[in-house]
Protein backbone atom coordinates (compact mmCIF):
# COMPACT_ATOMS: atom_id res chain seq x y z
CA MET A 1 0.00 0.00 0.00
CA ASN A 2 3.00 2.31 -0.22
CA PHE A 3 1.76 3.58 -3.60
CA ILE A 4 -1.22 5.24 -1.88
CA ARG A 5 0.95 7.41 0.38
CA SER A 6 3.32 8.00 -2.51
CA SER A 7 0.50 9.14 -4.80
CA LEU A 8 -0.93 11.50 -2.17
CA SER A 9 2.52 12.88 -1.41
CA GLU A 10 3.22 13.42 -5.11
CA ALA A 11 -0.08 15.29 -5.50
CA GLN A 12 0.77 17.46 -2.51
CA THR A 13 4.23 18.25 -3.89
CA THR A 14 2.77 19.19 -7.30
CA LEU A 15 0.20 21.49 -5.69
CA ASN A 16 2.80 23.09 -3.42
CA ARG A 17 5.09 23.84 -6.38
CA PHE A 18 2.16 25.33 -8.31
CA VAL A 19 1.07 27.54 -5.39
CA GLU A 20 4.60 28.73 -4.60
CA ASP A 21 4.91 30.27 -8.08
CA GLU A 22 3.16 33.65 -7.67
CA THR A 23 2.80 33.87 -11.46
CA ASN A 24 0.19 31.10 -11.28
CA VAL A 25 -1.91 33.00 -8.76
CA ALA A 26 -1.75 36.13 -10.94
CA LEU A 27 -2.71 34.17 -14.07
CA ILE A 28 -5.70 32.57 -12.34
CA GLU A 29 -6.83 36.02 -11.21
CA ARG A 30 -6.45 37.30 -14.77
CA ALA A 31 -8.44 34.36 -16.15
CA ILE A 32 -11.27 35.07 -13.70
CA GLY A 33 -11.34 38.66 -14.95
CA VAL A 34 -11.52 37.53 -18.58
CA PHE A 35 -14.46 35.18 -17.86
CA ALA A 36 -16.33 37.71 -15.71
CA GLU A 37 -15.91 40.49 -18.29
CA ALA A 38 -17.33 38.24 -21.02
CA PHE A 39 -20.41 37.48 -18.92
CA ARG A 40 -20.85 41.17 -17.99
CA SER A 41 -20.79 42.03 -21.69
CA LYS A 42 -23.37 39.36 -22.59
CA GLY A 43 -20.69 37.07 -24.03
CA ARG A 44 -20.53 33.31 -23.67
CA VAL A 45 -17.88 30.87 -22.55
CA PHE A 46 -17.03 27.70 -24.45
CA SER A 47 -14.69 24.99 -23.19
CA CYS A 48 -12.96 22.03 -24.80
CA GLY A 49 -10.48 19.24 -24.16
CA ASN A 50 -9.91 15.54 -24.79
CA GLY A 51 -10.58 12.62 -22.47
CA GLY A 52 -10.32 13.71 -18.84
CA SER A 53 -9.89 17.29 -20.03
CA MET A 54 -13.25 17.05 -21.81
CA CYS A 55 -14.79 15.93 -18.53
CA ASP A 56 -13.18 18.95 -16.84
CA SER A 57 -14.49 21.25 -19.59
CA LEU A 58 -18.00 19.90 -19.04
CA HIS A 59 -17.71 20.27 -15.27
CA PHE A 60 -16.71 23.92 -15.74
CA ALA A 61 -19.70 24.60 -18.00
CA GLU A 62 -22.28 22.83 -15.85
CA GLU A 63 -21.19 24.67 -12.71
CA LEU A 64 -21.73 27.94 -14.61
CA THR A 65 -25.15 27.05 -16.03
CA GLY A 66 -26.14 25.45 -12.73
CA ARG A 67 -24.66 26.66 -9.47
CA TYR A 68 -21.50 26.34 -7.46
CA ARG A 69 -22.25 26.76 -3.76
CA LYS A 70 -25.38 28.93 -3.73
CA ASN A 71 -28.25 29.59 -6.10
CA ARG A 72 -27.82 32.39 -8.64
CA ALA A 73 -28.74 33.18 -12.24
CA PRO A 74 -27.30 30.73 -14.81
CA LEU A 75 -24.35 31.86 -16.92
CA PRO A 76 -24.09 31.01 -20.66
CA ALA A 77 -21.41 28.33 -20.87
CA THR A 78 -21.04 25.28 -23.12
CA GLY A 79 -18.62 22.38 -23.00
CA ILE A 80 -18.07 21.23 -26.59
CA SER A 81 -19.09 17.59 -26.35
CA GLU A 82 -22.29 16.88 -28.28
CA ALA A 83 -21.88 13.39 -29.71
CA GLY A 84 -23.69 14.05 -33.00
CA HIS A 85 -21.49 17.07 -33.71
CA ILE A 86 -18.25 15.31 -32.76
CA THR A 87 -18.91 12.16 -34.78
CA CYS A 88 -20.15 14.12 -37.79
CA ILE A 89 -17.13 16.41 -37.87
CA ALA A 90 -14.65 13.62 -37.14
CA ASN A 91 -16.15 11.51 -39.92
CA ASP A 92 -16.50 14.27 -42.54
CA PHE A 93 -13.49 16.48 -41.78
CA GLY A 94 -11.23 14.70 -39.29
CA PHE A 95 -10.89 14.52 -35.50
CA GLU A 96 -8.63 17.56 -35.46
CA TYR A 97 -11.64 19.75 -36.40
CA ILE A 98 -14.17 18.63 -33.77
CA PHE A 99 -13.75 21.73 -31.61
CA SER A 100 -12.79 24.33 -34.21
CA ARG A 101 -15.93 23.75 -36.32
CA PHE A 102 -18.08 24.31 -33.23
CA VAL A 103 -16.25 27.54 -32.37
CA GLU A 104 -16.53 28.63 -35.99
CA ALA A 105 -20.29 28.04 -35.90
CA TRP A 106 -21.09 29.56 -32.51
CA GLY A 107 -18.23 31.73 -31.27
CA GLN A 108 -18.37 35.52 -31.52
CA GLU A 109 -16.18 38.45 -30.59
CA GLY A 110 -16.54 38.98 -26.86
CA ASP A 111 -16.86 35.26 -26.10
CA VAL A 112 -14.17 33.25 -24.31
CA LEU A 113 -12.75 29.79 -24.98
CA LEU A 114 -11.31 27.71 -22.16
CA ALA A 115 -8.82 25.41 -23.92
CA ILE A 116 -7.68 22.46 -21.79
CA SER A 117 -4.70 20.31 -22.79
CA THR A 118 -2.39 18.49 -20.39
CA SER A 119 0.31 18.41 -23.08
CA GLY A 120 -0.36 21.84 -24.55
CA ASN A 121 -0.13 20.20 -27.97
CA SER A 122 -3.56 18.69 -28.70
CA GLU A 123 -4.14 19.37 -32.40
CA ASN A 124 -7.92 19.73 -32.14
CA VAL A 125 -7.58 22.19 -29.24
CA ILE A 126 -4.93 24.16 -31.16
CA ARG A 127 -7.29 24.47 -34.14
CA ALA A 128 -10.10 25.66 -31.86
CA VAL A 129 -7.81 28.31 -30.39
CA GLU A 130 -6.81 29.49 -33.88
CA VAL A 131 -10.47 29.93 -34.86
CA ALA A 132 -11.33 31.64 -31.58
CA ARG A 133 -8.48 34.14 -31.98
CA ALA A 134 -9.50 34.83 -35.60
CA LYS A 135 -13.02 35.64 -34.35
CA GLY A 136 -11.75 38.08 -31.72
CA MET A 137 -12.46 35.79 -28.78
CA LYS A 138 -10.27 35.67 -25.68
CA VAL A 139 -8.67 32.32 -24.82
CA VAL A 140 -7.72 30.95 -21.42
CA GLY A 141 -5.48 27.88 -21.51
CA LEU A 142 -5.34 25.23 -18.79
CA LEU A 143 -2.15 23.49 -19.82
CA GLY A 144 0.45 21.06 -18.55
CA LYS A 145 4.09 20.07 -18.89
CA ASP A 146 5.86 23.14 -20.40
CA GLY A 147 2.66 24.56 -21.94
CA GLY A 148 3.44 23.17 -25.39
CA LYS A 149 2.41 25.04 -28.54
CA LEU A 150 -0.67 26.45 -26.84
CA LYS A 151 1.39 28.42 -24.31
CA GLY A 152 2.14 31.13 -26.86
CA MET A 153 -1.29 31.02 -28.51
CA VAL A 154 -3.61 31.78 -25.59
CA ASP A 155 -4.23 35.06 -23.78
CA VAL A 156 -3.89 33.55 -20.31
CA PRO A 157 -1.71 30.40 -20.03
CA VAL A 158 -2.21 28.62 -16.70
CA ILE A 159 0.42 25.87 -16.80
CA VAL A 160 0.88 22.98 -14.37
CA GLN A 161 4.52 22.09 -14.85
CA SER A 162 4.51 18.36 -14.24
CA PRO A 163 5.33 15.42 -16.52
CA ILE A 164 2.49 13.35 -15.01
CA THR A 165 -0.93 13.73 -16.63
CA ASP A 166 -3.05 12.82 -13.60
CA ARG A 167 -1.16 15.28 -11.37
CA ILE A 168 -1.80 17.99 -14.01
CA GLN A 169 -5.50 17.13 -14.12
CA GLU A 170 -5.76 17.32 -10.33
CA ILE A 171 -4.50 20.90 -10.37
CA HIS A 172 -6.66 21.73 -13.40
CA ILE A 173 -9.85 20.80 -11.55
CA LYS A 174 -8.76 22.94 -8.59
CA CYS A 175 -8.17 25.87 -10.98
CA ILE A 176 -11.62 25.32 -12.49
CA HIS A 177 -13.25 25.51 -9.06
CA ILE A 178 -11.30 28.70 -8.30
CA PHE A 179 -12.37 30.17 -11.68
CA ILE A 180 -16.02 29.49 -10.84
CA GLU A 181 -15.79 30.92 -7.33
CA GLY A 182 -13.95 33.97 -8.65
CA ILE A 183 -16.55 34.55 -11.36
CA GLU A 184 -19.32 34.28 -8.78
CA ARG A 185 -17.54 36.62 -6.38
CA GLN A 186 -17.37 39.26 -9.13
CA LEU A 187 -20.87 38.80 -10.58
CA PHE A 188 -22.84 37.65 -7.52
CA PRO A 189 -21.03 39.21 -4.53
CA GLU A 190 -24.16 38.78 -2.41
CA ASN A 191 -23.45 35.03 -2.36
CA TYR A 192 -20.18 35.71 -0.52
CA ALA A 193 -21.29 38.47 1.87
């Protein structure tokens, strides 16, 4: 059972390293501002990722359309995951276009894309970011390892510098919860009085 303690200790070390870098705190604060400004201006937030990152993108969206800790008005957020869309685009155009075609169809200037990639190099996420930037959208990146290609493509690169995917994902979900709380604190301060 040594692997259990080892795994928990590794997660703790990864989180401690992330927190100790003040740049990460500043980037999370900046990301919250980008999301909140979009909602204030009647914009929408889209999110995308592959595998576990897709699950995280959906969790982010559902907490915004639903609630986090207290009831409040729903916020317009969508995790790009609809099976009909994904299978159609993958079949007709290729898997690398599953997110970008959605952003091309629905994204507008003033909207925000949350792009999640533990490697920073997911081709379909990169294409979505390219389309979002061309449309005048802001892009927040939840990235891992060294940030990959996406590091220089997004407006706000939040990077968990770890070589281990599950450790990266653990910090990503914490960042997502902080994003949501920060958005609520700006838009619904009465919930935190």
